[in-house]
PDB file of N, CA and C in Angstrom:
ATOM      1  N   MET A   1       0.863  -1.179   0.029  1.00  0.00           N
ATOM      2  CA  MET A   1      -0.017   0.028   0.032  1.00  0.00           C
ATOM      3  C   MET A   1       0.899   1.278  -0.028  1.00  0.00           C
ATOM      4  N   ILE A   2       0.296   2.320  -0.428  1.00  0.00           N
ATOM      5  CA  ILE A   2       1.084   3.624  -0.480  1.00  0.00           C
ATOM      6  C   ILE A   2       0.432   4.493   0.561  1.00  0.00           C
ATOM      7  N   LYS A   3       1.273   5.108   1.330  1.00  0.00           N
ATOM      8  CA  LYS A   3       0.854   5.975   2.429  1.00  0.00           C
ATOM      9  C   LYS A   3       1.510   7.331   2.348  1.00  0.00           C
ATOM     10  N   LYS A   4       0.806   8.410   2.494  1.00  0.00           N
ATOM     11  CA  LYS A   4       1.393   9.770   2.468  1.00  0.00           C
ATOM     12  C   LYS A   4       1.989  10.026   3.826  1.00  0.00           C
ATOM     13  N   VAL A   5       3.239  10.439   3.813  1.00  0.00           N
ATOM     14  CA  VAL A   5       3.981  10.819   5.037  1.00  0.00           C
ATOM     15  C   VAL A   5       4.558  12.198   4.900  1.00  0.00           C
ATOM     16  N   LYS A   6       5.263  12.695   5.935  1.00  0.00           N
ATOM     17  CA  LYS A   6       5.724  14.001   5.884  1.00  0.00           C
ATOM     18  C   LYS A   6       6.723  14.278   4.742  1.00  0.00           C
ATOM     19  N   GLY A   7       7.595  13.239   4.439  1.00  0.00           N
ATOM     20  CA  GLY A   7       8.658  13.431   3.439  1.00  0.00           C
ATOM     21  C   GLY A   7       8.117  13.095   2.008  1.00  0.00           C
ATOM     22  N   GLY A   8       6.869  12.715   1.825  1.00  0.00           N
ATOM     23  CA  GLY A   8       6.369  12.370   0.504  1.00  0.00           C
ATOM     24  C   GLY A   8       5.408  11.149   0.600  1.00  0.00           C
ATOM     25  N   TYR A   9       5.781  10.078  -0.080  1.00  0.00           N
ATOM     26  CA  TYR A   9       4.998   8.896  -0.133  1.00  0.00           C
ATOM     27  C   TYR A   9       5.858   7.707   0.195  1.00  0.00           C
ATOM     28  N   ARG A  10       5.340   6.753   0.916  1.00  0.00           N
ATOM     29  CA  ARG A  10       6.089   5.572   1.339  1.00  0.00           C
ATOM     30  C   ARG A  10       5.298   4.320   0.933  1.00  0.00           C
ATOM     31  N   VAL A  11       6.053   3.251   0.482  1.00  0.00           N
ATOM     32  CA  VAL A  11       5.422   1.990   0.212  1.00  0.00           C
ATOM     33  C   VAL A  11       5.550   1.107   1.416  1.00  0.00           C
ATOM     34  N   LEU A  12       4.387   0.587   1.840  1.00  0.00           N
ATOM     35  CA  LEU A  12       4.335  -0.240   3.036  1.00  0.00           C
ATOM     36  C   LEU A  12       3.738  -1.606   2.646  1.00  0.00           C
ATOM     37  N   SER A  13       4.209  -2.623   3.495  1.00  0.00           N
ATOM     38  CA  SER A  13       3.619  -3.949   3.237  1.00  0.00           C
ATOM     39  C   SER A  13       2.249  -3.968   3.949  1.00  0.00           C
ATOM     40  N   GLU A  14       1.537  -5.032   3.786  1.00  0.00           N
ATOM     41  CA  GLU A  14       0.243  -5.203   4.430  1.00  0.00           C
ATOM     42  C   GLU A  14       0.291  -5.132   5.926  1.00  0.00           C
ATOM     43  N   LYS A  15       1.424  -5.554   6.456  1.00  0.00           N
ATOM     44  CA  LYS A  15       1.677  -5.623   7.958  1.00  0.00           C
ATOM     45  C   LYS A  15       2.246  -4.244   8.445  1.00  0.00           C
ATOM     46  N   GLY A  16       2.516  -3.330   7.493  1.00  0.00           N
ATOM     47  CA  GLY A  16       3.014  -1.964   7.904  1.00  0.00           C
ATOM     48  C   GLY A  16       4.445  -1.776   7.863  1.00  0.00           C
ATOM     49  N   ARG A  17       5.240  -2.799   7.309  1.00  0.00           N
ATOM     50  CA  ARG A  17       6.625  -2.650   7.208  1.00  0.00           C
ATOM     51  C   ARG A  17       6.985  -1.776   6.077  1.00  0.00           C
ATOM     52  N   ASN A  18       8.096  -0.977   6.168  1.00  0.00           N
ATOM     53  CA  ASN A  18       8.544  -0.063   5.143  1.00  0.00           C
ATOM     54  C   ASN A  18       9.200  -0.929   3.991  1.00  0.00           C
ATOM     55  N   MET A  19       8.688  -0.723   2.764  1.00  0.00           N
ATOM     56  CA  MET A  19       9.228  -1.388   1.627  1.00  0.00           C
ATOM     57  C   MET A  19       9.907  -0.444   0.652  1.00  0.00           C
ATOM     58  N   GLY A  20      10.092   0.802   1.062  1.00  0.00           N
ATOM     59  CA  GLY A  20      10.785   1.738   0.219  1.00  0.00           C
ATOM     60  C   GLY A  20      10.221   3.140   0.389  1.00  0.00           C
ATOM     61  N   GLY A  21      11.071   4.084   0.168  1.00  0.00           N
ATOM     62  CA  GLY A  21      10.674   5.444   0.222  1.00  0.00           C
ATOM     63  C   GLY A  21      11.478   6.221   1.265  1.00  0.00           C
ATOM     64  N   PRO A  22      11.186   7.510   1.452  1.00  0.00           N
ATOM     65  CA  PRO A  22      10.041   8.203   0.882  1.00  0.00           C
ATOM     66  C   PRO A  22      10.304   8.628  -0.549  1.00  0.00           C
ATOM     67  N   TYR A  23       9.256   8.664  -1.329  1.00  0.00           N
ATOM     68  CA  TYR A  23       9.373   9.117  -2.755  1.00  0.00           C
ATOM     69  C   TYR A  23       8.633  10.451  -2.852  1.00  0.00           C
ATOM     70  N   LYS A  24       9.125  11.340  -3.677  1.00  0.00           N
ATOM     71  CA  LYS A  24       8.581  12.637  -3.801  1.00  0.00           C
ATOM     72  C   LYS A  24       7.074  12.632  -4.395  1.00  0.00           C
ATOM     73  N   THR A  25       6.836  11.722  -5.275  1.00  0.00           N
ATOM     74  CA  THR A  25       5.515  11.692  -5.966  1.00  0.00           C
ATOM     75  C   THR A  25       4.882  10.372  -5.734  1.00  0.00           C
ATOM     76  N   ARG A  26       3.517  10.330  -5.751  1.00  0.00           N
ATOM     77  CA  ARG A  26       2.791   9.116  -5.680  1.00  0.00           C
ATOM     78  C   ARG A  26       3.067   8.181  -6.855  1.00  0.00           C
ATOM     79  N   GLU A  27       3.348   8.734  -8.002  1.00  0.00           N
ATOM     80  CA  GLU A  27       3.646   7.964  -9.186  1.00  0.00           C
ATOM     81  C   GLU A  27       4.920   7.103  -8.977  1.00  0.00           C
ATOM     82  N   GLU A  28       5.958   7.720  -8.366  1.00  0.00           N
ATOM     83  CA  GLU A  28       7.174   7.021  -8.130  1.00  0.00           C
ATOM     84  C   GLU A  28       6.932   5.844  -7.135  1.00  0.00           C
ATOM     85  N   ALA A  29       6.092   6.123  -6.131  1.00  0.00           N
ATOM     86  CA  ALA A  29       5.807   5.086  -5.102  1.00  0.00           C
ATOM     87  C   ALA A  29       5.010   3.963  -5.766  1.00  0.00           C
ATOM     88  N   ALA A  30       4.074   4.279  -6.704  1.00  0.00           N
ATOM     89  CA  ALA A  30       3.321   3.222  -7.393  1.00  0.00           C
ATOM     90  C   ALA A  30       4.195   2.413  -8.313  1.00  0.00           C
ATOM     91  N   LYS A  31       5.267   2.988  -8.882  1.00  0.00           N
ATOM     92  CA  LYS A  31       6.202   2.338  -9.744  1.00  0.00           C
ATOM     93  C   LYS A  31       6.921   1.241  -8.911  1.00  0.00           C
ATOM     94  N   ARG A  32       7.374   1.633  -7.748  1.00  0.00           N
ATOM     95  CA  ARG A  32       8.130   0.753  -6.863  1.00  0.00           C
ATOM     96  C   ARG A  32       7.156  -0.398  -6.379  1.00  0.00           C
ATOM     97  N   LEU A  33       5.904  -0.112  -6.072  1.00  0.00           N
ATOM     98  CA  LEU A  33       4.971  -1.083  -5.664  1.00  0.00           C
ATOM     99  C   LEU A  33       4.739  -2.139  -6.752  1.00  0.00           C
ATOM    100  N   ARG A  34       4.689  -1.684  -8.021  1.00  0.00           N
ATOM    101  CA  ARG A  34       4.544  -2.613  -9.095  1.00  0.00           C
ATOM    102  C   ARG A  34       5.748  -3.549  -9.185  1.00  0.00           C
ATOM    103  N   GLN A  35       6.984  -3.010  -8.951  1.00  0.00           N
ATOM    104  CA  GLN A  35       8.200  -3.772  -9.020  1.00  0.00           C
ATOM    105  C   GLN A  35       8.166  -4.852  -7.911  1.00  0.00           C
ATOM    106  N   ILE A  36       7.788  -4.497  -6.747  1.00  0.00           N
ATOM    107  CA  ILE A  36       7.651  -5.426  -5.693  1.00  0.00           C
ATOM    108  C   ILE A  36       6.681  -6.572  -6.023  1.00  0.00           C
ATOM    109  N   GLU A  37       5.458  -6.218  -6.526  1.00  0.00           N
ATOM    110  CA  GLU A  37       4.543  -7.294  -6.891  1.00  0.00           C
ATOM    111  C   GLU A  37       5.025  -8.127  -7.996  1.00  0.00           C
ATOM    112  N   PHE A  38       5.708  -7.570  -8.970  1.00  0.00           N
ATOM    113  CA  PHE A  38       6.294  -8.388 -10.017  1.00  0.00           C
ATOM    114  C   PHE A  38       7.224  -9.467  -9.529  1.00  0.00           C
ATOM    115  N   PHE A  39       8.185  -9.093  -8.654  1.00  0.00           N
ATOM    116  CA  PHE A  39       9.122 -10.011  -8.115  1.00  0.00           C
ATOM    117  C   PHE A  39       8.538 -10.938  -7.115  1.00  0.00           C
ATOM    118  N   LYS A  40       7.459 -10.594  -6.437  1.00  0.00           N
ATOM    119  CA  LYS A  40       6.737 -11.540  -5.588  1.00  0.00           C
ATOM    120  C   LYS A  40       6.145 -12.685  -6.298  1.00  0.00           C
ATOM    121  N   HIS A  41       5.651 -12.407  -7.567  1.00  0.00           N
ATOM    122  CA  HIS A  41       4.885 -13.407  -8.291  1.00  0.00           C
ATOM    123  C   HIS A  41       5.703 -14.097  -9.394  1.00  0.00           C
ATOM    124  N   LYS A  42       6.997 -13.707  -9.498  1.00  0.00           N
ATOM    125  CA  LYS A  42       7.866 -14.192 -10.559  1.00  0.00           C
ATOM    126  C   LYS A  42       8.227 -15.691 -10.238  1.00  0.00           C
ATOM    127  N   LYS A  43       8.111 -16.484 -11.193  1.00  0.00           N
ATOM    128  CA  LYS A  43       8.507 -17.894 -10.981  1.00  0.00           C
ATOM    129  C   LYS A  43       9.883 -18.187 -11.641  1.00  0.00           C
ATOM    130  N   GLY A  44      10.744 -18.928 -10.974  1.00  0.00           N
ATOM    131  CA  GLY A  44      12.087 -19.271 -11.266  1.00  0.00           C
ATOM    132  C   GLY A  44      12.411 -19.397 -12.632  1.00  0.00           C
TER     133      GLY A  44
END
């Protein structure tokens, strides 16, 4: 999920752990979230 914080936007896991950021724009955070999802579902 993407959450707005003081420094911009941060990518968080469902449990609330930081997965990257802060990013200046929501678009940059969304790009990182897509990368995380891609590698989560990538098969060997």
